[in-house]
Amino acid sequence: MKTKSKHMARFLHKPYSHQFLNITYDSNYYSTMYSKKQYRYVIIEDDETDQLLLQEQLATFSYLQSAGIVANPLAALPILESETIDILFLDVMLPVINGLDFLENLPNPPQTIVVTASEAHAVRSYDLGVADYVTKPFSRERLEKAVQRVLNRQLNATTPTLPNYVVLKAGWESVRIPVESINYVEAFGAFCKVHTTEGITVVSDFLSTVYAKLPAHLFLRIHKSFVVASWKVNYMASRHVQVGQAQVPVGASYRQTVEQALMAQ
């Protein structure tokens, strides 16, 4: 059992970006958040020196992985069609076909960062929806900013929007509790204690009733007496999860489902 308990422990730090929180995106944030995920990229660049420079710079980002480097845009088609590519680094002045013409004709282009020598193509690039436009020569810091902008887009595209509040009964009154403030909910006889960042609110509803009113994709029942904000869980052990400073118990019959749900987020 001791061995199993050790393997059950999980760090689940996952900063959440939504309309209530102001998250600052920096290199430490990305290197931590995406340390277990590899974002694959393709470089389309015909100048060998620029190819090498870009490849060397991108190799310093632990969360990025090269899927190919080509000089001819048409040579990138098999990669783009057969793999999931997260970022395309694209020059404009290329052999056979102009880089922006190539991008415009791609049916489902990945997030694209244009890397080119002139600012002359910036307007058309942004009209085509590129994530960023980087002019040569560029610094690592400028390249990192462009990469983070792509990851921002991906994060925002996959982050669900939180409703502003949930309405619960407190005696003869109804109270509005901001969803983002809720850490966990605890059964308290025929009542519930809603533990929030501001304190505890006692509401006259059963736990099952409160749970049904909360966004299903953001809250998880982990015990017959506890529901937690799954997106606030930063650690899971064999018998509890950590939410902020609180250790919330995990019921034995819920343990496997809870672990699977948290690790899938």
Protein backbone atom coordinates (compact mmCIF):
# COMPACT_ATOMS: atom_id res chain seq x y z
CA MET A 1 0.00 0.00 0.00
CA LYS A 2 2.87 2.38 0.70
CA THR A 3 4.19 1.96 -2.83
CA LYS A 4 0.74 2.59 -4.27
CA SER A 5 0.35 5.76 -2.15
CA LYS A 6 3.61 7.14 -3.46
CA HIS A 7 2.53 6.55 -7.03
CA MET A 8 -0.85 8.14 -6.34
CA ALA A 9 0.71 11.48 -5.43
CA ARG A 10 0.43 13.97 -8.25
CA PHE A 11 1.40 17.58 -8.66
CA LEU A 12 -1.33 19.20 -10.66
CA HIS A 13 -0.29 22.84 -10.89
CA LYS A 14 -2.28 24.28 -13.76
CA PRO A 15 -2.77 28.06 -13.82
CA TYR A 16 -6.17 28.95 -15.24
CA SER A 17 -6.77 31.96 -17.42
CA HIS A 18 -10.27 33.41 -17.45
CA GLN A 19 -12.17 36.63 -17.11
CA PHE A 20 -11.61 36.92 -13.35
CA LEU A 21 -7.87 36.37 -13.13
CA ASN A 22 -5.05 38.49 -14.51
CA ILE A 23 -2.21 36.09 -15.30
CA THR A 24 1.14 37.45 -16.41
CA TYR A 25 2.70 35.29 -19.08
CA ASP A 26 6.48 35.03 -18.86
CA SER A 27 9.19 32.51 -19.64
CA ASN A 28 9.02 30.89 -16.19
CA TYR A 29 5.25 30.47 -16.53
CA TYR A 30 5.57 28.70 -19.86
CA SER A 31 8.56 26.54 -18.95
CA THR A 32 6.62 25.32 -15.87
CA MET A 33 3.17 25.02 -17.36
CA TYR A 34 4.25 23.30 -20.55
CA SER A 35 7.15 21.26 -19.18
CA LYS A 36 5.28 17.98 -19.84
CA LYS A 37 3.89 18.97 -23.23
CA GLN A 38 5.88 19.28 -26.42
CA TYR A 39 4.64 21.80 -28.98
CA ARG A 40 5.73 20.76 -32.45
CA TYR A 41 6.83 23.29 -35.01
CA VAL A 42 7.91 23.48 -38.65
CA ILE A 43 10.35 26.00 -40.10
CA ILE A 44 10.00 27.10 -43.73
CA GLU A 45 13.13 29.12 -44.51
CA ASP A 46 15.33 28.96 -47.61
CA ASP A 47 18.42 30.73 -46.22
CA GLU A 48 20.68 28.16 -44.54
CA THR A 49 22.19 30.68 -42.13
CA ASP A 50 18.77 31.88 -41.01
CA GLN A 51 17.61 28.28 -40.75
CA LEU A 52 20.46 27.46 -38.39
CA LEU A 53 19.99 30.58 -36.28
CA LEU A 54 16.26 30.00 -35.85
CA GLN A 55 16.77 26.32 -35.08
CA GLU A 56 19.43 27.11 -32.45
CA GLN A 57 17.21 29.69 -30.77
CA LEU A 58 14.16 27.43 -30.69
CA ALA A 59 16.21 24.58 -29.24
CA THR A 60 16.53 26.62 -26.03
CA PHE A 61 12.77 26.33 -25.40
CA SER A 62 12.22 23.04 -23.58
CA TYR A 63 8.54 22.85 -24.53
CA LEU A 64 9.15 23.11 -28.29
CA GLN A 65 10.05 20.23 -30.61
CA SER A 66 11.02 20.39 -34.25
CA ALA A 67 8.90 18.46 -36.75
CA GLY A 68 10.91 19.57 -39.76
CA ILE A 69 12.90 22.32 -41.48
CA VAL A 70 12.41 22.90 -45.21
CA ALA A 71 13.43 25.52 -47.76
CA ASN A 72 10.59 24.91 -50.19
CA PRO A 73 7.04 25.48 -48.86
CA LEU A 74 5.70 22.61 -50.95
CA ALA A 75 8.04 20.25 -49.12
CA ALA A 76 6.26 21.16 -45.85
CA LEU A 77 2.87 20.00 -47.09
CA PRO A 78 3.32 16.29 -46.21
CA ILE A 79 4.30 17.26 -42.65
CA LEU A 80 1.44 19.72 -42.20
CA GLU A 81 -1.07 17.24 -43.59
CA SER A 82 0.09 14.18 -41.64
CA GLU A 83 0.97 15.66 -38.24
CA THR A 84 -0.46 18.03 -35.68
CA ILE A 85 1.75 21.11 -35.96
CA ASP A 86 1.32 23.77 -33.30
CA ILE A 87 3.51 26.53 -34.74
CA LEU A 88 4.68 27.36 -38.25
CA PHE A 89 7.71 29.65 -38.62
CA LEU A 90 7.40 31.08 -42.10
CA ASP A 91 9.62 33.28 -44.27
CA VAL A 92 7.96 35.33 -47.01
CA MET A 93 10.45 35.40 -49.89
CA LEU A 94 10.70 31.72 -50.73
CA PRO A 95 11.38 29.64 -53.85
CA VAL A 96 8.49 28.31 -55.96
CA ILE A 97 5.79 30.17 -54.02
CA ASN A 98 5.63 33.26 -51.83
CA GLY A 99 5.27 32.33 -48.16
CA LEU A 100 2.08 34.34 -47.66
CA ASP A 101 0.52 32.91 -50.81
CA PHE A 102 1.34 29.46 -49.46
CA LEU A 103 -0.23 30.32 -46.09
CA GLU A 104 -3.35 31.75 -47.70
CA ASN A 105 -3.93 28.51 -49.60
CA LEU A 106 -3.48 26.17 -46.63
CA PRO A 107 -6.90 24.71 -45.69
CA ASN A 108 -6.18 24.50 -41.94
CA PRO A 109 -2.99 26.45 -41.23
CA PRO A 110 -1.35 26.14 -37.81
CA GLN A 111 -0.64 29.19 -35.68
CA THR A 112 1.95 31.05 -37.74
CA ILE A 113 4.86 33.33 -36.89
CA VAL A 114 6.22 35.14 -39.91
CA VAL A 115 10.00 35.57 -39.69
CA THR A 116 11.31 37.71 -42.53
CA ALA A 117 13.77 40.47 -43.40
CA SER A 118 11.32 43.23 -44.32
CA GLU A 119 8.39 44.92 -42.62
CA ALA A 120 6.68 45.38 -46.00
CA HIS A 121 4.52 42.27 -45.64
CA ALA A 122 3.24 42.93 -42.11
CA VAL A 123 -0.21 44.23 -43.06
CA ARG A 124 -1.02 41.30 -45.31
CA SER A 125 0.37 38.88 -42.72
CA TYR A 126 -1.96 40.13 -40.02
CA ASP A 127 -4.85 40.11 -42.48
CA LEU A 128 -4.14 36.39 -42.87
CA GLY A 129 -4.35 35.96 -39.10
CA VAL A 130 -0.70 35.32 -38.23
CA ALA A 131 0.10 35.27 -34.52
CA ASP A 132 3.16 37.50 -34.82
CA TYR A 133 5.51 39.13 -37.32
CA VAL A 134 9.23 39.01 -36.47
CA THR A 135 11.81 40.87 -38.54
CA LYS A 136 15.40 39.74 -38.99
CA PRO A 137 17.71 40.06 -37.21
CA PHE A 138 15.86 39.16 -34.03
CA SER A 139 16.83 38.49 -30.42
CA ARG A 140 15.91 35.42 -28.40
CA GLU A 141 13.66 37.64 -26.27
CA ARG A 142 11.72 38.79 -29.34
CA LEU A 143 11.34 35.21 -30.53
CA GLU A 144 10.17 34.12 -27.09
CA LYS A 145 7.54 36.85 -27.07
CA ALA A 146 6.23 35.60 -30.41
CA VAL A 147 6.09 31.99 -29.17
CA GLN A 148 4.27 33.02 -26.00
CA ARG A 149 1.73 34.90 -28.09
CA VAL A 150 0.95 31.67 -29.95
CA LEU A 151 0.61 29.75 -26.69
CA ASN A 152 -1.64 32.49 -25.31
CA ARG A 153 -3.94 31.98 -28.28
CA GLN A 154 -4.02 28.23 -27.76
CA LEU A 155 -4.62 28.57 -24.03
CA ASN A 156 -7.46 31.05 -24.51
CA ALA A 157 -9.01 28.88 -27.21
CA THR A 158 -9.18 25.85 -24.88
CA THR A 159 -10.02 27.62 -21.61
CA PRO A 160 -13.72 27.51 -20.78
CA THR A 161 -15.40 30.75 -19.74
CA LEU A 162 -16.63 30.87 -16.19
CA PRO A 163 -20.10 32.14 -15.36
CA ASN A 164 -19.98 35.13 -13.04
CA TYR A 165 -21.78 33.64 -10.06
CA VAL A 166 -24.01 30.87 -8.73
CA VAL A 167 -27.24 31.61 -6.84
CA LEU A 168 -27.75 29.58 -3.65
CA LYS A 169 -30.29 29.68 -0.82
CA ALA A 170 -29.31 30.95 2.61
CA GLY A 171 -32.37 30.67 4.83
CA TRP A 172 -35.15 32.79 3.31
CA GLU A 173 -32.74 34.67 1.10
CA SER A 174 -30.76 33.90 -2.02
CA VAL A 175 -27.08 34.73 -2.21
CA ARG A 176 -24.89 35.19 -5.26
CA ILE A 177 -21.44 33.66 -4.88
CA PRO A 178 -18.77 34.34 -7.52
CA VAL A 179 -17.85 31.01 -9.08
CA GLU A 180 -14.16 31.87 -9.28
CA SER A 181 -14.05 32.45 -5.50
CA ILE A 182 -15.25 28.92 -4.60
CA ASN A 183 -12.51 26.56 -3.42
CA TYR A 184 -14.67 23.65 -2.26
CA VAL A 185 -18.11 22.81 -0.87
CA GLU A 186 -18.66 20.71 2.24
CA ALA A 187 -21.84 18.87 3.28
CA PHE A 188 -23.14 20.08 6.64
CA GLY A 189 -26.22 18.01 7.45
CA ALA A 190 -29.12 19.45 5.46
CA PHE A 191 -26.92 22.47 4.69
CA CYS A 192 -23.60 23.11 2.96
CA LYS A 193 -20.56 25.14 3.79
CA VAL A 194 -19.23 26.91 0.71
CA HIS A 195 -15.54 27.59 1.29
CA THR A 196 -14.46 30.60 -0.75
CA THR A 197 -11.46 32.89 -0.94
CA GLU A 198 -13.46 35.34 1.22
CA GLY A 199 -14.52 32.88 3.93
CA ILE A 200 -17.33 30.38 4.53
CA THR A 201 -20.96 30.81 3.50
CA VAL A 202 -23.55 28.40 4.92
CA VAL A 203 -26.33 27.67 2.44
CA SER A 204 -29.58 25.77 3.00
CA ASP A 205 -29.15 23.25 0.19
CA PHE A 206 -27.96 19.67 0.05
CA LEU A 207 -24.53 19.05 -1.46
CA SER A 208 -26.06 17.33 -4.49
CA THR A 209 -28.21 20.42 -5.17
CA VAL A 210 -25.24 22.80 -4.96
CA TYR A 211 -23.11 20.49 -7.11
CA ALA A 212 -25.80 20.44 -9.82
CA LYS A 213 -25.71 24.25 -10.01
CA LEU A 214 -21.94 24.47 -10.46
CA PRO A 215 -20.20 24.27 -13.88
CA ALA A 216 -19.61 20.55 -14.42
CA HIS A 217 -16.30 21.07 -16.22
CA LEU A 218 -14.84 23.06 -13.30
CA PHE A 219 -16.08 21.22 -10.20
CA LEU A 220 -15.65 17.61 -9.15
CA ARG A 221 -17.22 15.49 -6.43
CA ILE A 222 -14.39 13.72 -4.62
CA HIS A 223 -16.20 12.44 -1.52
CA LYS A 224 -19.80 11.92 -0.42
CA SER A 225 -19.36 15.11 1.61
CA PHE A 226 -17.06 17.23 -0.59
CA VAL A 227 -17.01 18.90 -3.99
CA VAL A 228 -13.87 20.79 -5.09
CA ALA A 229 -13.01 23.34 -7.74
CA SER A 230 -10.95 20.93 -9.84
CA TRP A 231 -9.07 23.75 -11.58
CA LYS A 232 -7.75 24.91 -8.18
CA VAL A 233 -6.36 21.51 -7.13
CA ASN A 234 -2.57 21.70 -7.08
CA TYR A 235 -1.74 18.36 -5.44
CA MET A 236 -3.31 14.95 -5.04
CA ALA A 237 -2.27 12.30 -2.52
CA SER A 238 -3.87 8.91 -1.88
CA ARG A 239 -6.41 10.26 0.61
CA HIS A 240 -6.74 13.98 -0.03
CA VAL A 241 -6.29 16.81 -2.49
CA GLN A 242 -4.71 20.15 -1.73
CA VAL A 243 -6.79 23.23 -2.58
CA GLY A 244 -4.96 26.36 -1.50
CA GLN A 245 -4.07 25.77 2.14
CA ALA A 246 -6.82 23.19 2.71
CA GLN A 247 -6.54 19.42 2.54
CA VAL A 248 -9.84 18.04 1.30
CA PRO A 249 -10.45 14.29 1.78
CA VAL A 250 -10.95 11.95 -1.17
CA GLY A 251 -13.40 9.08 -0.65
CA ALA A 252 -12.05 5.60 -1.35
CA SER A 253 -14.80 4.88 -3.89
CA TYR A 254 -14.08 8.18 -5.68
CA ARG A 255 -10.28 7.93 -5.78
CA GLN A 256 -9.73 6.38 -9.21
CA THR A 257 -12.30 8.59 -10.92
CA VAL A 258 -10.89 11.71 -9.26
CA GLU A 259 -7.32 10.93 -10.27
CA GLN A 260 -8.33 10.26 -13.87
CA ALA A 261 -10.39 13.45 -14.05
CA LEU A 262 -7.66 15.66 -12.61
CA MET A 263 -4.90 14.21 -14.75
CA ALA A 264 -7.04 14.65 -17.86
CA GLN A 265 -7.38 18.41 -17.33
